Amino acid sequence: MAGKFIVTQDESGEYRFVLTAGSGEVIVTSEGYKQKGAALNAIDSVRRTAVDAVTDDRTPEPTPAYTD
């Protein structure tokens, strides 16, 4: 089953979306948008950008375990 974008409106009136995996697990949660169209535009942007996105891992390298 394919993932999907779910658009909701929160208590403050802002629109948000989540991207879920086929299993229903939330993969991405958006910021709030004042207009629904802005949230839908952000979904389109995620679709376009993620296709060619690379991973930029900026975490430190693990420290090797000391053995004596």
PDB file of N, CA and C in Angstrom:
ATOM      1  N   MET A   1       0.843  -1.190   0.000  1.00  0.00           N
ATOM      2  CA  MET A   1       0.000   0.000   0.000  1.00  0.00           C
ATOM      3  C   MET A   1       0.882   1.244   0.000  1.00  0.00           C
ATOM      4  N   ALA A   2       0.524   2.207  -0.809  1.00  0.00           N
ATOM      5  CA  ALA A   2       1.296   3.447  -0.926  1.00  0.00           C
ATOM      6  C   ALA A   2       1.063   4.356   0.269  1.00  0.00           C
ATOM      7  N   GLY A   3       2.032   5.203   0.518  1.00  0.00           N
ATOM      8  CA  GLY A   3       1.865   6.205   1.551  1.00  0.00           C
ATOM      9  C   GLY A   3       0.891   7.274   1.084  1.00  0.00           C
ATOM     10  N   LYS A   4       0.554   8.173   2.007  1.00  0.00           N
ATOM     11  CA  LYS A   4      -0.346   9.257   1.621  1.00  0.00           C
ATOM     12  C   LYS A   4      -0.103  10.491   2.465  1.00  0.00           C
ATOM     13  N   PHE A   5      -0.497  11.625   1.911  1.00  0.00           N
ATOM     14  CA  PHE A   5      -0.480  12.893   2.620  1.00  0.00           C
ATOM     15  C   PHE A   5      -1.867  13.096   3.219  1.00  0.00           C
ATOM     16  N   ILE A   6      -1.909  13.439   4.491  1.00  0.00           N
ATOM     17  CA  ILE A   6      -3.179  13.706   5.178  1.00  0.00           C
ATOM     18  C   ILE A   6      -3.163  15.164   5.620  1.00  0.00           C
ATOM     19  N   VAL A   7      -4.135  15.944   5.160  1.00  0.00           N
ATOM     20  CA  VAL A   7      -4.234  17.368   5.494  1.00  0.00           C
ATOM     21  C   VAL A   7      -5.299  17.541   6.565  1.00  0.00           C
ATOM     22  N   THR A   8      -4.966  18.294   7.601  1.00  0.00           N
ATOM     23  CA  THR A   8      -5.910  18.570   8.687  1.00  0.00           C
ATOM     24  C   THR A   8      -5.861  20.054   9.021  1.00  0.00           C
ATOM     25  N   GLN A   9      -6.841  20.499   9.797  1.00  0.00           N
ATOM     26  CA  GLN A   9      -6.859  21.873  10.302  1.00  0.00           C
ATOM     27  C   GLN A   9      -6.858  21.783  11.820  1.00  0.00           C
ATOM     28  N   ASP A  10      -5.896  22.459  12.465  1.00  0.00           N
ATOM     29  CA  ASP A  10      -5.786  22.372  13.916  1.00  0.00           C
ATOM     30  C   ASP A  10      -6.733  23.343  14.617  1.00  0.00           C
ATOM     31  N   GLU A  11      -6.703  23.335  15.941  1.00  0.00           N
ATOM     32  CA  GLU A  11      -7.620  24.154  16.741  1.00  0.00           C
ATOM     33  C   GLU A  11      -7.436  25.650  16.520  1.00  0.00           C
ATOM     34  N   SER A  12      -6.224  26.056  16.126  1.00  0.00           N
ATOM     35  CA  SER A  12      -5.968  27.484  15.895  1.00  0.00           C
ATOM     36  C   SER A  12      -6.316  27.896  14.465  1.00  0.00           C
ATOM     37  N   GLY A  13      -6.785  26.950  13.657  1.00  0.00           N
ATOM     38  CA  GLY A  13      -7.190  27.257  12.294  1.00  0.00           C
ATOM     39  C   GLY A  13      -6.113  27.038  11.247  1.00  0.00           C
ATOM     40  N   GLU A  14      -4.922  26.625  11.689  1.00  0.00           N
ATOM     41  CA  GLU A  14      -3.842  26.390  10.734  1.00  0.00           C
ATOM     42  C   GLU A  14      -3.976  25.010  10.097  1.00  0.00           C
ATOM     43  N   TYR A  15      -3.523  24.930   8.844  1.00  0.00           N
ATOM     44  CA  TYR A  15      -3.545  23.671   8.108  1.00  0.00           C
ATOM     45  C   TYR A  15      -2.185  23.000   8.249  1.00  0.00           C
ATOM     46  N   ARG A  16      -2.207  21.703   8.432  1.00  0.00           N
ATOM     47  CA  ARG A  16      -0.988  20.912   8.578  1.00  0.00           C
ATOM     48  C   ARG A  16      -1.149  19.645   7.760  1.00  0.00           C
ATOM     49  N   PHE A  17      -0.030  19.025   7.440  1.00  0.00           N
ATOM     50  CA  PHE A  17      -0.120  17.725   6.792  1.00  0.00           C
ATOM     51  C   PHE A  17       0.881  16.770   7.399  1.00  0.00           C
ATOM     52  N   VAL A  18       0.577  15.512   7.287  1.00  0.00           N
ATOM     53  CA  VAL A  18       1.521  14.459   7.629  1.00  0.00           C
ATOM     54  C   VAL A  18       1.655  13.567   6.409  1.00  0.00           C
ATOM     55  N   LEU A  19       2.815  12.995   6.242  1.00  0.00           N
ATOM     56  CA  LEU A  19       3.052  11.982   5.227  1.00  0.00           C
ATOM     57  C   LEU A  19       3.149  10.664   5.966  1.00  0.00           C
ATOM     58  N   THR A  20       2.323   9.718   5.573  1.00  0.00           N
ATOM     59  CA  THR A  20       2.340   8.415   6.235  1.00  0.00           C
ATOM     60  C   THR A  20       2.854   7.345   5.281  1.00  0.00           C
ATOM     61  N   ALA A  21       3.472   6.330   5.845  1.00  0.00           N
ATOM     62  CA  ALA A  21       3.884   5.156   5.077  1.00  0.00           C
ATOM     63  C   ALA A  21       2.650   4.307   4.811  1.00  0.00           C
ATOM     64  N   GLY A  22       2.795   3.315   3.970  1.00  0.00           N
ATOM     65  CA  GLY A  22       1.684   2.417   3.676  1.00  0.00           C
ATOM     66  C   GLY A  22       1.126   1.751   4.921  1.00  0.00           C
ATOM     67  N   SER A  23       1.979   1.587   5.930  1.00  0.00           N
ATOM     68  CA  SER A  23       1.558   0.969   7.193  1.00  0.00           C
ATOM     69  C   SER A  23       0.784   1.927   8.093  1.00  0.00           C
ATOM     70  N   GLY A  24       0.751   3.219   7.710  1.00  0.00           N
ATOM     71  CA  GLY A  24       0.080   4.230   8.528  1.00  0.00           C
ATOM     72  C   GLY A  24       1.025   4.986   9.444  1.00  0.00           C
ATOM     73  N   GLU A  25       2.289   4.564   9.501  1.00  0.00           N
ATOM     74  CA  GLU A  25       3.275   5.243  10.348  1.00  0.00           C
ATOM     75  C   GLU A  25       3.563   6.632   9.801  1.00  0.00           C
ATOM     76  N   VAL A  26       3.571   7.641  10.674  1.00  0.00           N
ATOM     77  CA  VAL A  26       3.864   9.014  10.261  1.00  0.00           C
ATOM     78  C   VAL A  26       5.357   9.143   9.978  1.00  0.00           C
ATOM     79  N   ILE A  27       5.669   9.628   8.771  1.00  0.00           N
ATOM     80  CA  ILE A  27       7.055   9.811   8.357  1.00  0.00           C
ATOM     81  C   ILE A  27       7.459  11.277   8.459  1.00  0.00           C
ATOM     82  N   VAL A  28       6.569  12.176   8.067  1.00  0.00           N
ATOM     83  CA  VAL A  28       6.843  13.616   8.053  1.00  0.00           C
ATOM     84  C   VAL A  28       5.647  14.355   8.627  1.00  0.00           C
ATOM     85  N   THR A  29       5.917  15.367   9.452  1.00  0.00           N
ATOM     86  CA  THR A  29       4.881  16.253   9.969  1.00  0.00           C
ATOM     87  C   THR A  29       5.244  17.673   9.566  1.00  0.00           C
ATOM     88  N   SER A  30       4.296  18.401   9.021  1.00  0.00           N
ATOM     89  CA  SER A  30       4.571  19.758   8.540  1.00  0.00           C
ATOM     90  C   SER A  30       4.438  20.790   9.644  1.00  0.00           C
ATOM     91  N   GLU A  31       4.869  21.980   9.311  1.00  0.00           N
ATOM     92  CA  GLU A  31       4.575  23.148  10.134  1.00  0.00           C
ATOM     93  C   GLU A  31       3.129  23.560   9.853  1.00  0.00           C
ATOM     94  N   GLY A  32       2.633  24.568  10.550  1.00  0.00           N
ATOM     95  CA  GLY A  32       1.289  25.063  10.310  1.00  0.00           C
ATOM     96  C   GLY A  32       1.266  26.108   9.199  1.00  0.00           C
ATOM     97  N   TYR A  33       0.206  26.099   8.404  1.00  0.00           N
ATOM     98  CA  TYR A  33       0.022  27.065   7.315  1.00  0.00           C
ATOM     99  C   TYR A  33      -1.312  27.774   7.512  1.00  0.00           C
ATOM    100  N   LYS A  34      -1.334  29.081   7.314  1.00  0.00           N
ATOM    101  CA  LYS A  34      -2.562  29.853   7.507  1.00  0.00           C
ATOM    102  C   LYS A  34      -3.592  29.589   6.422  1.00  0.00           C
ATOM    103  N   GLN A  35      -3.132  29.188   5.245  1.00  0.00           N
ATOM    104  CA  GLN A  35      -4.047  28.914   4.138  1.00  0.00           C
ATOM    105  C   GLN A  35      -3.877  27.469   3.667  1.00  0.00           C
ATOM    106  N   LYS A  36      -4.987  26.848   3.342  1.00  0.00           N
ATOM    107  CA  LYS A  36      -4.954  25.468   2.884  1.00  0.00           C
ATOM    108  C   LYS A  36      -4.115  25.335   1.613  1.00  0.00           C
ATOM    109  N   GLY A  37      -4.219  26.305   0.723  1.00  0.00           N
ATOM    110  CA  GLY A  37      -3.441  26.279  -0.510  1.00  0.00           C
ATOM    111  C   GLY A  37      -1.945  26.238  -0.252  1.00  0.00           C
ATOM    112  N   ALA A  38      -1.502  26.923   0.800  1.00  0.00           N
ATOM    113  CA  ALA A  38      -0.082  26.918   1.145  1.00  0.00           C
ATOM    114  C   ALA A  38       0.356  25.528   1.602  1.00  0.00           C
ATOM    115  N   ALA A  39      -0.497  24.849   2.349  1.00  0.00           N
ATOM    116  CA  ALA A  39      -0.185  23.476   2.773  1.00  0.00           C
ATOM    117  C   ALA A  39      -0.117  22.549   1.563  1.00  0.00           C
ATOM    118  N   LEU A  40      -1.051  22.714   0.634  1.00  0.00           N
ATOM    119  CA  LEU A  40      -1.050  21.877  -0.571  1.00  0.00           C
ATOM    120  C   LEU A  40       0.178  22.170  -1.436  1.00  0.00           C
ATOM    121  N   ASN A  41       0.587  23.431  -1.506  1.00  0.00           N
ATOM    122  CA  ASN A  41       1.810  23.784  -2.234  1.00  0.00           C
ATOM    123  C   ASN A  41       3.034  23.137  -1.580  1.00  0.00           C
ATOM    124  N   ALA A  42       3.055  23.096  -0.253  1.00  0.00           N
ATOM    125  CA  ALA A  42       4.165  22.472   0.456  1.00  0.00           C
ATOM    126  C   ALA A  42       4.222  20.972   0.161  1.00  0.00           C
ATOM    127  N   ILE A  43       3.063  20.336   0.067  1.00  0.00           N
ATOM    128  CA  ILE A  43       3.027  18.918  -0.295  1.00  0.00           C
ATOM    129  C   ILE A  43       3.642  18.719  -1.674  1.00  0.00           C
ATOM    130  N   ASP A  44       3.262  19.560  -2.628  1.00  0.00           N
ATOM    131  CA  ASP A  44       3.842  19.468  -3.975  1.00  0.00           C
ATOM    132  C   ASP A  44       5.355  19.663  -3.937  1.00  0.00           C
ATOM    133  N   SER A  45       5.808  20.584  -3.105  1.00  0.00           N
ATOM    134  CA  SER A  45       7.241  20.831  -2.977  1.00  0.00           C
ATOM    135  C   SER A  45       7.965  19.610  -2.417  1.00  0.00           C
ATOM    136  N   VAL A  46       7.388  18.975  -1.418  1.00  0.00           N
ATOM    137  CA  VAL A  46       7.989  17.765  -0.850  1.00  0.00           C
ATOM    138  C   VAL A  46       8.069  16.679  -1.920  1.00  0.00           C
ATOM    139  N   ARG A  47       7.008  16.511  -2.668  1.00  0.00           N
ATOM    140  CA  ARG A  47       7.000  15.500  -3.739  1.00  0.00           C
ATOM    141  C   ARG A  47       8.122  15.737  -4.751  1.00  0.00           C
ATOM    142  N   ARG A  48       8.285  16.985  -5.173  1.00  0.00           N
ATOM    143  CA  ARG A  48       9.304  17.302  -6.180  1.00  0.00           C
ATOM    144  C   ARG A  48      10.714  17.171  -5.618  1.00  0.00           C
ATOM    145  N   THR A  49      10.919  17.664  -4.407  1.00  0.00           N
ATOM    146  CA  THR A  49      12.249  17.715  -3.822  1.00  0.00           C
ATOM    147  C   THR A  49      12.745  16.349  -3.372  1.00  0.00           C
ATOM    148  N   ALA A  50      11.876  15.557  -2.789  1.00  0.00           N
ATOM    149  CA  ALA A  50      12.291  14.281  -2.206  1.00  0.00           C
ATOM    150  C   ALA A  50      12.773  13.280  -3.244  1.00  0.00           C
ATOM    151  N   VAL A  51      12.323  13.413  -4.470  1.00  0.00           N
ATOM    152  CA  VAL A  51      12.695  12.455  -5.513  1.00  0.00           C
ATOM    153  C   VAL A  51      14.210  12.388  -5.688  1.00  0.00           C
ATOM    154  N   ASP A  52      14.866  13.538  -5.688  1.00  0.00           N
ATOM    155  CA  ASP A  52      16.309  13.596  -5.918  1.00  0.00           C
ATOM    156  C   ASP A  52      17.112  13.959  -4.668  1.00  0.00           C
ATOM    157  N   ALA A  53      16.455  13.994  -3.521  1.00  0.00           N
ATOM    158  CA  ALA A  53      17.146  14.408  -2.303  1.00  0.00           C
ATOM    159  C   ALA A  53      18.215  13.397  -1.902  1.00  0.00           C
ATOM    160  N   VAL A  54      19.324  13.903  -1.406  1.00  0.00           N
ATOM    161  CA  VAL A  54      20.398  13.056  -0.904  1.00  0.00           C
ATOM    162  C   VAL A  54      20.417  13.153   0.618  1.00  0.00           C
ATOM    163  N   THR A  55      21.056  12.213   1.252  1.00  0.00           N
ATOM    164  CA  THR A  55      21.188  12.236   2.711  1.00  0.00           C
ATOM    165  C   THR A  55      22.469  12.972   3.074  1.00  0.00           C
ATOM    166  N   ASP A  56      22.352  13.973   3.928  1.00  0.00           N
ATOM    167  CA  ASP A  56      23.490  14.746   4.422  1.00  0.00           C
ATOM    168  C   ASP A  56      23.609  14.455   5.910  1.00  0.00           C
ATOM    169  N   ASP A  57      24.368  13.427   6.244  1.00  0.00           N
ATOM    170  CA  ASP A  57      24.501  12.979   7.634  1.00  0.00           C
ATOM    171  C   ASP A  57      25.547  13.822   8.343  1.00  0.00           C
ATOM    172  N   ARG A  58      25.093  14.651   9.261  1.00  0.00           N
ATOM    173  CA  ARG A  58      26.002  15.548   9.982  1.00  0.00           C
ATOM    174  C   ARG A  58      26.231  15.106  11.424  1.00  0.00           C
ATOM    175  N   THR A  59      25.908  13.867  11.711  1.00  0.00           N
ATOM    176  CA  THR A  59      26.153  13.359  13.052  1.00  0.00           C
ATOM    177  C   THR A  59      27.626  13.010  13.206  1.00  0.00           C
ATOM    178  N   PRO A  60      28.158  13.088  14.430  1.00  0.00           N
ATOM    179  CA  PRO A  60      29.577  12.769  14.617  1.00  0.00           C
ATOM    180  C   PRO A  60      29.827  11.274  14.406  1.00  0.00           C
ATOM    181  N   GLU A  61      31.040  10.978  13.985  1.00  0.00           N
ATOM    182  CA  GLU A  61      31.435   9.581  13.860  1.00  0.00           C
ATOM    183  C   GLU A  61      31.489   8.973  15.256  1.00  0.00           C
ATOM    184  N   PRO A  62      31.077   7.718  15.384  1.00  0.00           N
ATOM    185  CA  PRO A  62      31.150   7.095  16.710  1.00  0.00           C
ATOM    186  C   PRO A  62      32.604   6.975  17.168  1.00  0.00           C
ATOM    187  N   THR A  63      32.809   7.134  18.453  1.00  0.00           N
ATOM    188  CA  THR A  63      34.148   6.983  19.031  1.00  0.00           C
ATOM    189  C   THR A  63      34.457   5.497  19.110  1.00  0.00           C
ATOM    190  N   PRO A  64      35.613   5.097  18.604  1.00  0.00           N
ATOM    191  CA  PRO A  64      35.958   3.672  18.681  1.00  0.00           C
ATOM    192  C   PRO A  64      36.063   3.214  20.126  1.00  0.00           C
ATOM    193  N   ALA A  65      35.627   2.012  20.374  1.00  0.00           N
ATOM    194  CA  ALA A  65      35.720   1.460  21.727  1.00  0.00           C
ATOM    195  C   ALA A  65      37.188   1.210  22.072  1.00  0.00           C
ATOM    196  N   TYR A  66      37.577   1.546  23.277  1.00  0.00           N
ATOM    197  CA  TYR A  66      38.947   1.348  23.723  1.00  0.00           C
ATOM    198  C   TYR A  66      39.089  -0.086  24.218  1.00  0.00           C
ATOM    199  N   THR A  67      40.057  -0.759  23.675  1.00  0.00           N
ATOM    200  CA  THR A  67      40.351  -2.126  24.153  1.00  0.00           C
ATOM    201  C   THR A  67      41.799  -2.178  24.567  1.00  0.00           C
ATOM    202  N   ASP A  68      42.076  -2.921  25.594  1.00  0.00           N
ATOM    203  CA  ASP A  68      43.421  -2.998  26.110  1.00  0.00           C
ATOM    204  C   ASP A  68      43.952  -4.389  25.980  1.00  0.00           C
TER     205      ASP A  68
END
